[in-house]
C-alpha atoms as a PDB file:
ATOM      1  CA  MET A   1      -7.200  -9.482  -6.035  1.00  0.00           C
ATOM      2  CA  ILE A   2      -3.521 -10.337  -5.778  1.00  0.00           C
ATOM      3  CA  SER A   3      -2.136 -13.836  -5.721  1.00  0.00           C
ATOM      4  CA  LYS A   4       0.868 -14.209  -3.441  1.00  0.00           C
ATOM      5  CA  SER A   5       2.107 -17.737  -2.997  1.00  0.00           C
ATOM      6  CA  LYS A   6       4.789 -19.385  -0.926  1.00  0.00           C
ATOM      7  CA  GLU A   7       5.875 -20.928  -4.223  1.00  0.00           C
ATOM      8  CA  PHE A   8       6.995 -18.522  -6.919  1.00  0.00           C
ATOM      9  CA  ILE A   9       5.745 -18.908 -10.481  1.00  0.00           C
ATOM     10  CA  PRO A  10       8.613 -19.675 -12.908  1.00  0.00           C
ATOM     11  CA  VAL A  11       8.675 -17.435 -15.982  1.00  0.00           C
ATOM     12  CA  LEU A  12      10.369 -17.679 -19.368  1.00  0.00           C
ATOM     13  CA  ILE A  13      11.166 -14.193 -20.684  1.00  0.00           C
ATOM     14  CA  ASP A  14      11.493 -13.680 -24.453  1.00  0.00           C
ATOM     15  CA  PHE A  15      13.277 -10.623 -25.810  1.00  0.00           C
ATOM     16  CA  SER A  16      12.801  -8.969 -29.207  1.00  0.00           C
ATOM     17  CA  ASP A  17      16.338  -9.968 -30.305  1.00  0.00           C
ATOM     18  CA  GLY A  18      15.430 -13.666 -30.020  1.00  0.00           C
ATOM     19  CA  SER A  19      17.241 -14.267 -26.739  1.00  0.00           C
ATOM     20  CA  SER A  20      15.509 -15.468 -23.599  1.00  0.00           C
ATOM     21  CA  GLY A  21      15.951 -15.436 -19.851  1.00  0.00           C
ATOM     22  CA  TRP A  22      14.084 -16.535 -16.776  1.00  0.00           C
ATOM     23  CA  GLY A  23      12.591 -15.156 -13.621  1.00  0.00           C
ATOM     24  CA  ARG A  24       9.933 -15.772 -10.999  1.00  0.00           C
ATOM     25  CA  LEU A  25       6.642 -14.042 -10.392  1.00  0.00           C
ATOM     26  CA  LEU A  26       6.434 -12.991  -6.758  1.00  0.00           C
ATOM     27  CA  GLU A  27       2.854 -11.786  -7.142  1.00  0.00           C
ATOM     28  CA  ILE A  28       0.303 -11.501  -9.916  1.00  0.00           C
ATOM     29  CA  HIS A  29      -2.936  -9.572 -10.300  1.00  0.00           C
ATOM     30  CA  PRO A  30      -5.172  -8.873 -13.301  1.00  0.00           C
ATOM     31  CA  LYS A  31      -3.348  -5.715 -14.354  1.00  0.00           C
ATOM     32  CA  GLY A  32       0.253  -6.689 -13.640  1.00  0.00           C
ATOM     33  CA  ALA A  33       2.804  -8.605 -11.638  1.00  0.00           C
ATOM     34  CA  THR A  34       6.064  -8.417  -9.719  1.00  0.00           C
ATOM     35  CA  LEU A  35       8.916 -10.274 -11.414  1.00  0.00           C
ATOM     36  CA  LEU A  36      12.239 -11.237  -9.831  1.00  0.00           C
ATOM     37  CA  THR A  37      15.028 -11.791 -12.397  1.00  0.00           C
ATOM     38  CA  MET A  38      18.722 -11.369 -13.154  1.00  0.00           C
ATOM     39  CA  CYS A  39      17.909 -10.177 -16.701  1.00  0.00           C
ATOM     40  CA  ARG A  40      18.974  -6.618 -17.363  1.00  0.00           C
ATOM     41  CA  LEU A  41      15.761  -4.683 -17.761  1.00  0.00           C
ATOM     42  CA  ALA A  42      14.827  -1.086 -17.112  1.00  0.00           C
ATOM     43  CA  ARG A  43      11.725   1.037 -16.753  1.00  0.00           C
ATOM     44  CA  GLY A  44       9.992   1.335 -20.106  1.00  0.00           C
ATOM     45  CA  ASN A  45      11.173  -2.029 -21.479  1.00  0.00           C
ATOM     46  CA  VAL A  46       8.540  -4.361 -22.937  1.00  0.00           C
ATOM     47  CA  ILE A  47       8.871  -8.128 -22.532  1.00  0.00           C
ATOM     48  CA  CYS A  48       6.937 -11.255 -23.486  1.00  0.00           C
ATOM     49  CA  MET A  49       6.561 -13.932 -20.837  1.00  0.00           C
ATOM     50  CA  SER A  50       5.364 -17.520 -20.606  1.00  0.00           C
ATOM     51  CA  PHE A  51       4.196 -19.009 -17.308  1.00  0.00           C
ATOM     52  CA  GLU A  52       1.430 -21.101 -15.773  1.00  0.00           C
ATOM     53  CA  ILE A  53      -1.504 -20.018 -13.662  1.00  0.00           C
ATOM     54  CA  ASP A  54      -3.233 -22.840 -11.819  1.00  0.00           C
ATOM     55  CA  GLY A  55      -1.609 -25.413 -14.100  1.00  0.00           C
ATOM     56  CA  ARG A  56      -2.710 -23.682 -17.314  1.00  0.00           C
ATOM     57  CA  LYS A  57      -0.070 -22.249 -19.621  1.00  0.00           C
ATOM     58  CA  MET A  58       0.009 -18.566 -20.581  1.00  0.00           C
ATOM     59  CA  GLU A  59       2.319 -17.802 -23.525  1.00  0.00           C
ATOM     60  CA  GLY A  60       3.458 -14.535 -25.079  1.00  0.00           C
ATOM     61  CA  VAL A  61       2.084 -12.348 -22.283  1.00  0.00           C
ATOM     62  CA  ARG A  62       3.185  -8.795 -23.073  1.00  0.00           C
ATOM     63  CA  ALA A  63       4.161  -6.599 -20.146  1.00  0.00           C
ATOM     64  CA  GLY A  64       5.839  -3.245 -19.656  1.00  0.00           C
ATOM     65  CA  VAL A  65       8.311  -2.512 -16.876  1.00  0.00           C
ATOM     66  CA  LYS A  66       6.909   0.391 -14.845  1.00  0.00           C
ATOM     67  CA  ALA A  67       9.375   0.287 -11.916  1.00  0.00           C
ATOM     68  CA  CYS A  68      12.459  -1.628 -10.895  1.00  0.00           C
ATOM     69  CA  GLY A  69      14.717  -2.078  -7.918  1.00  0.00           C
ATOM     70  CA  LYS A  70      17.583  -4.369  -6.945  1.00  0.00           C
ATOM     71  CA  ASP A  71      17.703  -6.643  -3.911  1.00  0.00           C
ATOM     72  CA  ALA A  72      20.752  -7.477  -1.762  1.00  0.00           C
ATOM     73  CA  ASP A  73      21.546 -10.543  -3.910  1.00  0.00           C
ATOM     74  CA  GLY A  74      21.602  -8.549  -7.152  1.00  0.00           C
ATOM     75  CA  TYR A  75      18.214  -9.676  -8.467  1.00  0.00           C
ATOM     76  CA  LEU A  76      15.973  -7.095 -10.111  1.00  0.00           C
ATOM     77  CA  SER A  77      12.466  -6.738  -8.710  1.00  0.00           C
ATOM     78  CA  LEU A  78      10.288  -5.408 -11.522  1.00  0.00           C
ATOM     79  CA  LYS A  79       6.767  -4.030 -11.293  1.00  0.00           C
ATOM     80  CA  LEU A  80       5.050  -5.009 -14.540  1.00  0.00           C
ATOM     81  CA  THR A  81       1.887  -3.820 -16.256  1.00  0.00           C
ATOM     82  CA  PHE A  82       0.144  -6.199 -18.662  1.00  0.00           C
ATOM     83  CA  LEU A  83      -0.311  -4.517 -22.046  1.00  0.00           C
ATOM     84  CA  ASP A  84      -2.843  -6.658 -23.903  1.00  0.00           C
ATOM     85  CA  ASN A  85      -6.486  -6.326 -22.838  1.00  0.00           C
ATOM     86  CA  SER A  86      -7.458  -9.849 -23.921  1.00  0.00           C
ATOM     87  CA  GLN A  87      -4.511 -11.332 -21.987  1.00  0.00           C
ATOM     88  CA  THR A  88      -5.473  -9.236 -18.957  1.00  0.00           C
ATOM     89  CA  ALA A  89      -9.035 -10.571 -19.141  1.00  0.00           C
ATOM     90  CA  ASP A  90      -7.731 -14.150 -19.444  1.00  0.00           C
ATOM     91  CA  ILE A  91      -5.441 -13.704 -16.424  1.00  0.00           C
ATOM     92  CA  ARG A  92      -8.304 -12.185 -14.414  1.00  0.00           C
ATOM     93  CA  GLY A  93     -10.547 -15.137 -15.286  1.00  0.00           C
ATOM     94  CA  ARG A  94      -7.916 -17.711 -14.357  1.00  0.00           C
ATOM     95  CA  LEU A  95      -7.199 -16.002 -11.027  1.00  0.00           C
ATOM     96  CA  LEU A  96     -10.922 -15.821 -10.229  1.00  0.00           C
ATOM     97  CA  ASP A  97     -11.331 -19.524 -11.050  1.00  0.00           C
ATOM     98  CA  MET A  98      -8.414 -20.354  -8.783  1.00  0.00           C
ATOM     99  CA  PHE A  99      -9.716 -18.255  -5.884  1.00  0.00           C
ATOM    100  CA  ASN A 100     -13.275 -19.545  -6.251  1.00  0.00           C
ATOM    101  CA  ARG A 101     -12.037 -23.115  -5.764  1.00  0.00           C
ATOM    102  CA  SER A 102     -10.050 -22.305  -2.622  1.00  0.00           C
END
């Protein structure tokens, strides 16, 4: 189950040094997501993100960068893996709720 929307999901990215950045989720599934951002990240980095799924806020979602590429406009497209099992279960439940209503 992958959610791809015509509208991207805005994301706040928190870094371990206290700084933050932003991006957009292009797709999300229970085990990970694809994030588009201008933040300098590389394979192996771990980030914390806040975003909404179906109008419900998710905060402090931990994810690892497993692959990255750059598009023609200079944005990084990152393949993320969610790292926390309870967060993964919560995301799965929210996605299922959303799909069951559609």
